[in-house]
Structure formats: C-alpha cells, structure tokens
PDB file of N, CA and C in Angstrom:
ATOM      1  N   MET A   1     192.225 139.065  -3.120  1.00  0.00           N
ATOM      2  CA  MET A   1     192.654 137.735  -2.796  1.00  0.00           C
ATOM      3  C   MET A   1     193.517 137.798  -1.549  1.00  0.00           C
ATOM      4  N   LEU A   2     193.198 136.950  -0.587  1.00  0.00           N
ATOM      5  CA  LEU A   2     193.990 136.864   0.637  1.00  0.00           C
ATOM      6  C   LEU A   2     195.219 136.000   0.401  1.00  0.00           C
ATOM      7  N   GLY A   3     195.055 134.883  -0.300  1.00  0.00           N
ATOM      8  CA  GLY A   3     196.210 134.042  -0.572  1.00  0.00           C
ATOM      9  C   GLY A   3     195.832 132.681  -1.110  1.00  0.00           C
ATOM     10  N   VAL A   4     196.865 131.917  -1.435  1.00  0.00           N
ATOM     11  CA  VAL A   4     196.714 130.528  -1.866  1.00  0.00           C
ATOM     12  C   VAL A   4     197.474 129.676  -0.864  1.00  0.00           C
ATOM     13  N   TYR A   5     196.810 128.670  -0.334  1.00  0.00           N
ATOM     14  CA  TYR A   5     197.358 127.855   0.745  1.00  0.00           C
ATOM     15  C   TYR A   5     197.284 126.380   0.379  1.00  0.00           C
ATOM     16  N   ALA A   6     198.373 125.658   0.614  1.00  0.00           N
ATOM     17  CA  ALA A   6     198.425 124.213   0.393  1.00  0.00           C
ATOM     18  C   ALA A   6     199.701 123.699   1.043  1.00  0.00           C
ATOM     19  N   GLY A   7     199.829 122.401   1.111  1.00  0.00           N
ATOM     20  CA  GLY A   7     201.040 121.796   1.658  1.00  0.00           C
ATOM     21  C   GLY A   7     200.730 120.884   2.818  1.00  0.00           C
ATOM     22  N   PRO A   8     201.767 120.295   3.414  1.00  0.00           N
ATOM     23  CA  PRO A   8     201.570 119.303   4.480  1.00  0.00           C
ATOM     24  C   PRO A   8     200.786 119.825   5.685  1.00  0.00           C
ATOM     25  N   GLU A   9     200.939 121.110   6.003  1.00  0.00           N
ATOM     26  CA  GLU A   9     200.218 121.652   7.170  1.00  0.00           C
ATOM     27  C   GLU A   9     198.727 121.820   6.906  1.00  0.00           C
ATOM     28  N   PHE A  10     198.305 121.618   5.662  1.00  0.00           N
ATOM     29  CA  PHE A  10     196.886 121.716   5.313  1.00  0.00           C
ATOM     30  C   PHE A  10     196.305 120.337   5.022  1.00  0.00           C
ATOM     31  N   GLN A  11     196.793 119.356   5.757  1.00  0.00           N
ATOM     32  CA  GLN A  11     196.307 117.983   5.627  1.00  0.00           C
ATOM     33  C   GLN A  11     195.642 117.574   6.940  1.00  0.00           C
ATOM     34  N   THR A  12     194.547 116.848   6.833  1.00  0.00           N
ATOM     35  CA  THR A  12     193.817 116.356   8.003  1.00  0.00           C
ATOM     36  C   THR A  12     193.617 114.856   7.857  1.00  0.00           C
ATOM     37  N   ILE A  13     193.826 114.135   8.961  1.00  0.00           N
ATOM     38  CA  ILE A  13     193.535 112.699   8.997  1.00  0.00           C
ATOM     39  C   ILE A  13     192.351 112.513   9.938  1.00  0.00           C
ATOM     40  N   TYR A  14     191.255 112.012   9.396  1.00  0.00           N
ATOM     41  CA  TYR A  14     190.040 111.818  10.183  1.00  0.00           C
ATOM     42  C   TYR A  14     190.112 110.528  10.993  1.00  0.00           C
ATOM     43  N   SER A  15     189.269 110.417  11.994  1.00  0.00           N
ATOM     44  CA  SER A  15     189.282 109.259  12.894  1.00  0.00           C
ATOM     45  C   SER A  15     189.041 107.939  12.167  1.00  0.00           C
ATOM     46  N   ASN A  16     188.392 107.970  11.008  1.00  0.00           N
ATOM     47  CA  ASN A  16     188.157 106.731  10.252  1.00  0.00           C
ATOM     48  C   ASN A  16     189.327 106.391   9.328  1.00  0.00           C
ATOM     49  N   GLY A  17     190.395 107.201   9.370  1.00  0.00           N
ATOM     50  CA  GLY A  17     191.573 106.946   8.549  1.00  0.00           C
ATOM     51  C   GLY A  17     191.614 107.718   7.248  1.00  0.00           C
ATOM     52  N   ASP A  18     190.526 108.362   6.867  1.00  0.00           N
ATOM     53  CA  ASP A  18     190.512 109.160   5.641  1.00  0.00           C
ATOM     54  C   ASP A  18     191.508 110.313   5.761  1.00  0.00           C
ATOM     55  N   VAL A  19     192.231 110.559   4.690  1.00  0.00           N
ATOM     56  CA  VAL A  19     193.196 111.653   4.643  1.00  0.00           C
ATOM     57  C   VAL A  19     192.721 112.668   3.609  1.00  0.00           C
ATOM     58  N   VAL A  20     192.683 113.933   4.000  1.00  0.00           N
ATOM     59  CA  VAL A  20     192.248 115.007   3.111  1.00  0.00           C
ATOM     60  C   VAL A  20     193.351 116.057   3.065  1.00  0.00           C
ATOM     61  N   SER A  21     193.733 116.458   1.871  1.00  0.00           N
ATOM     62  CA  SER A  21     194.707 117.534   1.688  1.00  0.00           C
ATOM     63  C   SER A  21     193.995 118.707   1.029  1.00  0.00           C
ATOM     64  N   PHE A  22     194.127 119.868   1.629  1.00  0.00           N
ATOM     65  CA  PHE A  22     193.443 121.051   1.130  1.00  0.00           C
ATOM     66  C   PHE A  22     194.382 121.903   0.284  1.00  0.00           C
ATOM     67  N   ALA A  23     193.881 122.399  -0.813  1.00  0.00           N
ATOM     68  CA  ALA A  23     194.521 123.447  -1.603  1.00  0.00           C
ATOM     69  C   ALA A  23     193.454 124.526  -1.739  1.00  0.00           C
ATOM     70  N   MET A  24     193.731 125.693  -1.180  1.00  0.00           N
ATOM     71  CA  MET A  24     192.688 126.708  -1.069  1.00  0.00           C
ATOM     72  C   MET A  24     193.111 128.035  -1.682  1.00  0.00           C
ATOM     73  N   ALA A  25     192.239 128.605  -2.469  1.00  0.00           N
ATOM     74  CA  ALA A  25     192.353 129.998  -2.888  1.00  0.00           C
ATOM     75  C   ALA A  25     191.377 130.752  -1.993  1.00  0.00           C
ATOM     76  N   VAL A  26     191.894 131.644  -1.146  1.00  0.00           N
ATOM     77  CA  VAL A  26     191.077 132.316  -0.139  1.00  0.00           C
ATOM     78  C   VAL A  26     190.918 133.786  -0.521  1.00  0.00           C
ATOM     79  N   PHE A  27     189.675 134.230  -0.513  1.00  0.00           N
ATOM     80  CA  PHE A  27     189.362 135.611  -0.873  1.00  0.00           C
ATOM     81  C   PHE A  27     188.797 136.342   0.330  1.00  0.00           C
ATOM     82  N   GLU A  28     189.123 137.605   0.431  1.00  0.00           N
ATOM     83  CA  GLU A  28     188.571 138.464   1.471  1.00  0.00           C
ATOM     84  C   GLU A  28     187.279 139.067   0.938  1.00  0.00           C
ATOM     85  N   ALA A  29     186.288 139.150   1.801  1.00  0.00           N
ATOM     86  CA  ALA A  29     184.991 139.703   1.389  1.00  0.00           C
ATOM     87  C   ALA A  29     184.334 140.382   2.578  1.00  0.00           C
ATOM     88  N   ARG A  30     183.285 141.097   2.298  1.00  0.00           N
ATOM     89  CA  ARG A  30     182.482 141.676   3.380  1.00  0.00           C
ATOM     90  C   ARG A  30     181.016 141.500   3.015  1.00  0.00           C
ATOM     91  N   PRO A  31     180.177 141.335   4.022  1.00  0.00           N
ATOM     92  CA  PRO A  31     178.752 141.124   3.737  1.00  0.00           C
ATOM     93  C   PRO A  31     178.115 142.389   3.172  1.00  0.00           C
ATOM     94  N   LEU A  32     177.220 142.199   2.231  1.00  0.00           N
ATOM     95  CA  LEU A  32     176.474 143.321   1.658  1.00  0.00           C
ATOM     96  C   LEU A  32     175.111 143.477   2.317  1.00  0.00           C
ATOM     97  N   ALA A  33     174.513 142.352   2.681  1.00  0.00           N
ATOM     98  CA  ALA A  33     173.189 142.394   3.306  1.00  0.00           C
ATOM     99  C   ALA A  33     172.897 141.031   3.917  1.00  0.00           C
ATOM    100  N   GLY A  34     171.889 140.996   4.761  1.00  0.00           N
ATOM    101  CA  GLY A  34     171.450 139.732   5.335  1.00  0.00           C
ATOM    102  C   GLY A  34     172.280 139.304   6.529  1.00  0.00           C
ATOM    103  N   THR A  35     171.927 138.171   7.063  1.00  0.00           N
ATOM    104  CA  THR A  35     172.591 137.602   8.224  1.00  0.00           C
ATOM    105  C   THR A  35     173.053 136.195   7.885  1.00  0.00           C
ATOM    106  N   PRO A  36     174.334 135.876   8.126  1.00  0.00           N
ATOM    107  CA  PRO A  36     174.773 134.510   7.847  1.00  0.00           C
ATOM    108  C   PRO A  36     174.063 133.522   8.770  1.00  0.00           C
ATOM    109  N   ARG A  37     173.759 132.350   8.236  1.00  0.00           N
ATOM    110  CA  ARG A  37     173.103 131.342   9.076  1.00  0.00           C
ATOM    111  C   ARG A  37     173.626 129.965   8.698  1.00  0.00           C
ATOM    112  N   PRO A  38     173.733 129.077   9.671  1.00  0.00           N
ATOM    113  CA  PRO A  38     174.235 127.728   9.411  1.00  0.00           C
ATOM    114  C   PRO A  38     173.264 126.930   8.558  1.00  0.00           C
ATOM    115  N   ASP A  39     173.808 125.961   7.817  1.00  0.00           N
ATOM    116  CA  ASP A  39     172.949 125.122   6.978  1.00  0.00           C
ATOM    117  C   ASP A  39     172.369 123.939   7.751  1.00  0.00           C
ATOM    118  N   GLY A  40     172.842 123.709   8.991  1.00  0.00           N
ATOM    119  CA  GLY A  40     172.311 122.626   9.815  1.00  0.00           C
ATOM    120  C   GLY A  40     172.893 121.268   9.481  1.00  0.00           C
ATOM    121  N   ASP A  41     173.729 121.199   8.450  1.00  0.00           N
ATOM    122  CA  ASP A  41     174.335 119.927   8.055  1.00  0.00           C
ATOM    123  C   ASP A  41     175.843 119.983   8.299  1.00  0.00           C
ATOM    124  N   GLU A  42     176.563 120.657   7.425  1.00  0.00           N
ATOM    125  CA  GLU A  42     178.003 120.794   7.598  1.00  0.00           C
ATOM    126  C   GLU A  42     178.366 121.966   8.498  1.00  0.00           C
ATOM    127  N   THR A  43     177.520 122.968   8.549  1.00  0.00           N
ATOM    128  CA  THR A  43     177.781 124.155   9.351  1.00  0.00           C
ATOM    129  C   THR A  43     176.728 124.258  10.437  1.00  0.00           C
ATOM    130  N   LEU A  44     177.178 124.134  11.689  1.00  0.00           N
ATOM    131  CA  LEU A  44     176.240 124.184  12.813  1.00  0.00           C
ATOM    132  C   LEU A  44     176.169 125.561  13.450  1.00  0.00           C
ATOM    133  N   GLU A  45     177.259 126.344  13.323  1.00  0.00           N
ATOM    134  CA  GLU A  45     177.283 127.688  13.887  1.00  0.00           C
ATOM    135  C   GLU A  45     178.026 128.614  12.931  1.00  0.00           C
ATOM    136  N   VAL A  46     177.644 129.884  12.928  1.00  0.00           N
ATOM    137  CA  VAL A  46     178.292 130.900  12.108  1.00  0.00           C
ATOM    138  C   VAL A  46     178.528 132.112  12.992  1.00  0.00           C
ATOM    139  N   GLY A  47     179.673 132.764  12.834  1.00  0.00           N
ATOM    140  CA  GLY A  47     179.919 133.950  13.632  1.00  0.00           C
ATOM    141  C   GLY A  47     181.080 134.759  13.090  1.00  0.00           C
ATOM    142  N   TYR A  48     181.191 135.975  13.560  1.00  0.00           N
ATOM    143  CA  TYR A  48     182.310 136.851  13.252  1.00  0.00           C
ATOM    144  C   TYR A  48     183.155 136.949  14.510  1.00  0.00           C
ATOM    145  N   PHE A  49     184.485 136.915  14.352  1.00  0.00           N
ATOM    146  CA  PHE A  49     185.373 136.898  15.504  1.00  0.00           C
ATOM    147  C   PHE A  49     186.514 137.885  15.328  1.00  0.00           C
ATOM    148  N   ALA A  50     186.868 138.564  16.404  1.00  0.00           N
ATOM    149  CA  ALA A  50     188.084 139.369  16.449  1.00  0.00           C
ATOM    150  C   ALA A  50     189.253 138.406  16.679  1.00  0.00           C
ATOM    151  N   PRO A  51     190.492 138.845  16.446  1.00  0.00           N
ATOM    152  CA  PRO A  51     191.630 137.930  16.585  1.00  0.00           C
ATOM    153  C   PRO A  51     191.681 137.168  17.910  1.00  0.00           C
ATOM    154  N   GLY A  52     191.406 137.803  19.007  1.00  0.00           N
ATOM    155  CA  GLY A  52     191.471 137.133  20.305  1.00  0.00           C
ATOM    156  C   GLY A  52     190.246 136.311  20.657  1.00  0.00           C
ATOM    157  N   GLU A  53     189.253 136.283  19.791  1.00  0.00           N
ATOM    158  CA  GLU A  53     187.993 135.589  20.082  1.00  0.00           C
ATOM    159  C   GLU A  53     187.802 134.296  19.292  1.00  0.00           C
ATOM    160  N   VAL A  54     188.766 133.922  18.446  1.00  0.00           N
ATOM    161  CA  VAL A  54     188.616 132.714  17.628  1.00  0.00           C
ATOM    162  C   VAL A  54     188.564 131.501  18.553  1.00  0.00           C
ATOM    163  N   PRO A  55     187.563 130.644  18.408  1.00  0.00           N
ATOM    164  CA  PRO A  55     187.442 129.471  19.283  1.00  0.00           C
ATOM    165  C   PRO A  55     188.656 128.544  19.173  1.00  0.00           C
ATOM    166  N   ASP A  56     188.941 127.844  20.255  1.00  0.00           N
ATOM    167  CA  ASP A  56     190.071 126.918  20.286  1.00  0.00           C
ATOM    168  C   ASP A  56     189.850 125.682  19.423  1.00  0.00           C
ATOM    169  N   ASN A  57     188.603 125.370  19.101  1.00  0.00           N
ATOM    170  CA  ASN A  57     188.316 124.112  18.412  1.00  0.00           C
ATOM    171  C   ASN A  57     188.340 124.214  16.884  1.00  0.00           C
ATOM    172  N   VAL A  58     188.930 125.272  16.313  1.00  0.00           N
ATOM    173  CA  VAL A  58     189.046 125.327  14.854  1.00  0.00           C
ATOM    174  C   VAL A  58     190.148 124.367  14.410  1.00  0.00           C
ATOM    175  N   GLN A  59     190.039 123.876  13.190  1.00  0.00           N
ATOM    176  CA  GLN A  59     191.061 122.976  12.654  1.00  0.00           C
ATOM    177  C   GLN A  59     192.411 123.695  12.613  1.00  0.00           C
ATOM    178  N   PRO A  60     193.518 122.986  12.877  1.00  0.00           N
ATOM    179  CA  PRO A  60     194.840 123.636  12.887  1.00  0.00           C
ATOM    180  C   PRO A  60     195.183 124.349  11.581  1.00  0.00           C
ATOM    181  N   TRP A  61     194.715 123.837  10.442  1.00  0.00           N
ATOM    182  CA  TRP A  61     195.051 124.459   9.163  1.00  0.00           C
ATOM    183  C   TRP A  61     194.337 125.797   8.962  1.00  0.00           C
ATOM    184  N   VAL A  62     193.363 126.097   9.791  1.00  0.00           N
ATOM    185  CA  VAL A  62     192.654 127.377   9.681  1.00  0.00           C
ATOM    186  C   VAL A  62     193.501 128.521  10.248  1.00  0.00           C
ATOM    187  N   ARG A  63     194.320 128.238  11.233  1.00  0.00           N
ATOM    188  CA  ARG A  63     195.067 129.289  11.942  1.00  0.00           C
ATOM    189  C   ARG A  63     195.984 130.123  11.043  1.00  0.00           C
ATOM    190  N   PRO A  64     196.792 129.521  10.137  1.00  0.00           N
ATOM    191  CA  PRO A  64     197.624 130.384   9.287  1.00  0.00           C
ATOM    192  C   PRO A  64     196.810 131.281   8.355  1.00  0.00           C
ATOM    193  N   VAL A  65     195.660 130.810   7.925  1.00  0.00           N
ATOM    194  CA  VAL A  65     194.797 131.630   7.066  1.00  0.00           C
ATOM    195  C   VAL A  65     194.247 132.806   7.875  1.00  0.00           C
ATOM    196  N   LEU A  66     193.790 132.527   9.091  1.00  0.00           N
ATOM    197  CA  LEU A  66     193.273 133.599   9.946  1.00  0.00           C
ATOM    198  C   LEU A  66     194.361 134.609  10.291  1.00  0.00           C
ATOM    199  N   ALA A  67     195.582 134.131  10.524  1.00  0.00           N
ATOM    200  CA  ALA A  67     196.687 135.049  10.839  1.00  0.00           C
ATOM    201  C   ALA A  67     196.891 136.042   9.698  1.00  0.00           C
ATOM    202  N   ASP A  68     196.834 135.561   8.466  1.00  0.00           N
ATOM    203  CA  ASP A  68     196.971 136.467   7.325  1.00  0.00           C
ATOM    204  C   ASP A  68     195.768 137.403   7.212  1.00  0.00           C
ATOM    205  N   ALA A  69     194.579 136.894   7.475  1.00  0.00           N
ATOM    206  CA  ALA A  69     193.377 137.732   7.397  1.00  0.00           C
ATOM    207  C   ALA A  69     193.430 138.853   8.432  1.00  0.00           C
ATOM    208  N   PHE A  70     193.841 138.531   9.644  1.00  0.00           N
ATOM    209  CA  PHE A  70     193.891 139.532  10.702  1.00  0.00           C
ATOM    210  C   PHE A  70     195.080 140.479  10.547  1.00  0.00           C
ATOM    211  N   ALA A  71     196.099 140.080   9.778  1.00  0.00           N
ATOM    212  CA  ALA A  71     197.275 140.932   9.578  1.00  0.00           C
ATOM    213  C   ALA A  71     196.982 142.080   8.620  1.00  0.00           C
ATOM    214  N   ASP A  72     195.866 142.013   7.908  1.00  0.00           N
ATOM    215  CA  ASP A  72     195.465 143.072   6.977  1.00  0.00           C
ATOM    216  C   ASP A  72     196.576 143.370   5.966  1.00  0.00           C
ATOM    217  N   ARG A  73     197.083 142.320   5.357  1.00  0.00           N
ATOM    218  CA  ARG A  73     198.165 142.451   4.374  1.00  0.00           C
ATOM    219  C   ARG A  73     197.662 143.136   3.104  1.00  0.00           C
ATOM    220  N   THR A  74     198.569 143.809   2.433  1.00  0.00           N
ATOM    221  CA  THR A  74     198.206 144.441   1.165  1.00  0.00           C
ATOM    222  C   THR A  74     198.536 143.544  -0.021  1.00  0.00           C
ATOM    223  N   ARG A  75     199.350 142.499   0.207  1.00  0.00           N
ATOM    224  CA  ARG A  75     199.702 141.567  -0.862  1.00  0.00           C
ATOM    225  C   ARG A  75     199.233 140.172  -0.487  1.00  0.00           C
ATOM    226  N   PRO A  76     198.793 139.380  -1.449  1.00  0.00           N
ATOM    227  CA  PRO A  76     198.339 138.020  -1.154  1.00  0.00           C
ATOM    228  C   PRO A  76     199.484 137.117  -0.697  1.00  0.00           C
ATOM    229  N   HIS A  77     199.122 136.113   0.080  1.00  0.00           N
ATOM    230  CA  HIS A  77     200.073 135.095   0.536  1.00  0.00           C
ATOM    231  C   HIS A  77     200.104 133.964  -0.486  1.00  0.00           C
ATOM    232  N   PHE A  78     201.276 133.591  -0.923  1.00  0.00           N
ATOM    233  CA  PHE A  78     201.448 132.425  -1.787  1.00  0.00           C
ATOM    234  C   PHE A  78     202.515 131.545  -1.159  1.00  0.00           C
ATOM    235  N   ALA A  79     202.115 130.376  -0.687  1.00  0.00           N
ATOM    236  CA  ALA A  79     203.063 129.453  -0.071  1.00  0.00           C
ATOM    237  C   ALA A  79     204.000 128.906  -1.139  1.00  0.00           C
ATOM    238  N   PRO A  80     205.288 128.760  -0.822  1.00  0.00           N
ATOM    239  CA  PRO A  80     206.192 128.168  -1.804  1.00  0.00           C
ATOM    240  C   PRO A  80     205.820 126.709  -2.055  1.00  0.00           C
ATOM    241  N   PRO A  81     206.086 126.208  -3.253  1.00  0.00           N
ATOM    242  CA  PRO A  81     205.719 124.821  -3.543  1.00  0.00           C
ATOM    243  C   PRO A  81     206.513 123.847  -2.686  1.00  0.00           C
ATOM    244  N   THR A  82     205.858 122.776  -2.263  1.00  0.00           N
ATOM    245  CA  THR A  82     206.524 121.748  -1.458  1.00  0.00           C
ATOM    246  C   THR A  82     206.565 120.406  -2.173  1.00  0.00           C
ATOM    247  N   TRP A  83     205.801 120.241  -3.242  1.00  0.00           N
ATOM    248  CA  TRP A  83     205.765 118.973  -3.954  1.00  0.00           C
ATOM    249  C   TRP A  83     206.982 118.850  -4.855  1.00  0.00           C
ATOM    250  N   ARG A  84     207.549 117.674  -4.866  1.00  0.00           N
ATOM    251  CA  ARG A  84     208.657 117.375  -5.764  1.00  0.00           C
ATOM    252  C   ARG A  84     208.336 116.089  -6.504  1.00  0.00           C
ATOM    253  N   PRO A  85     208.709 115.986  -7.773  1.00  0.00           N
ATOM    254  CA  PRO A  85     208.441 114.744  -8.499  1.00  0.00           C
ATOM    255  C   PRO A  85     209.236 113.591  -7.897  1.00  0.00           C
ATOM    256  N   PRO A  86     208.648 112.388  -7.903  1.00  0.00           N
ATOM    257  CA  PRO A  86     209.374 111.245  -7.350  1.00  0.00           C
ATOM    258  C   PRO A  86     210.628 110.929  -8.172  1.00  0.00           C
ATOM    259  N   GLY A  87     211.612 110.387  -7.471  1.00  0.00           N
ATOM    260  CA  GLY A  87     212.814 109.930  -8.171  1.00  0.00           C
ATOM    261  C   GLY A  87     213.913 110.824  -8.034  1.00  0.00           C
TER     262      GLY A  87
END
C-alpha cells in the first residue's frame, strides 16, 4: 500500500460547477504481462513516467500521490483527518 489520501486538496470543481472530493486507497503495483492501453473513453493516453517526465497537465491532487510513489517510501502515507463534526 502506498497510502490513503483525502481532504480539501483532493477536491476538484469542474467547469459545470460539479464538485468531487476524492478519498483514495492507493496501491503500488508492477505489470506482470501485456501492454497498458487506453479505453478511448475516460482514458485517452497511457504511459510510464520518471519523476521529471510527468506531464504538466495532470490534476493537482495527483502530485502528492506521485511524490510519495517516487520517494520509494517503506511505510504507507496516511493523511491526518481533517473532518470535524459540525457544532
């Protein structure tokens, strides 16, 4: 397990006003066989990137996950909770 990620920095507001908040359990893996290929719908391109090769157009919430992946940590990342009950 690479880590569990959630919180305000993992929120996206789309141009139509929709708001999406991500809570992600991210796992590290390696390919066993085959070649990754885009599905042509949600995924238009697929690739492997070294730290200095990550495209500039990735969503901002992807960057902290990639930083942990490239850091080759031995322990998973768990963000501290940010939600508090109202009142």
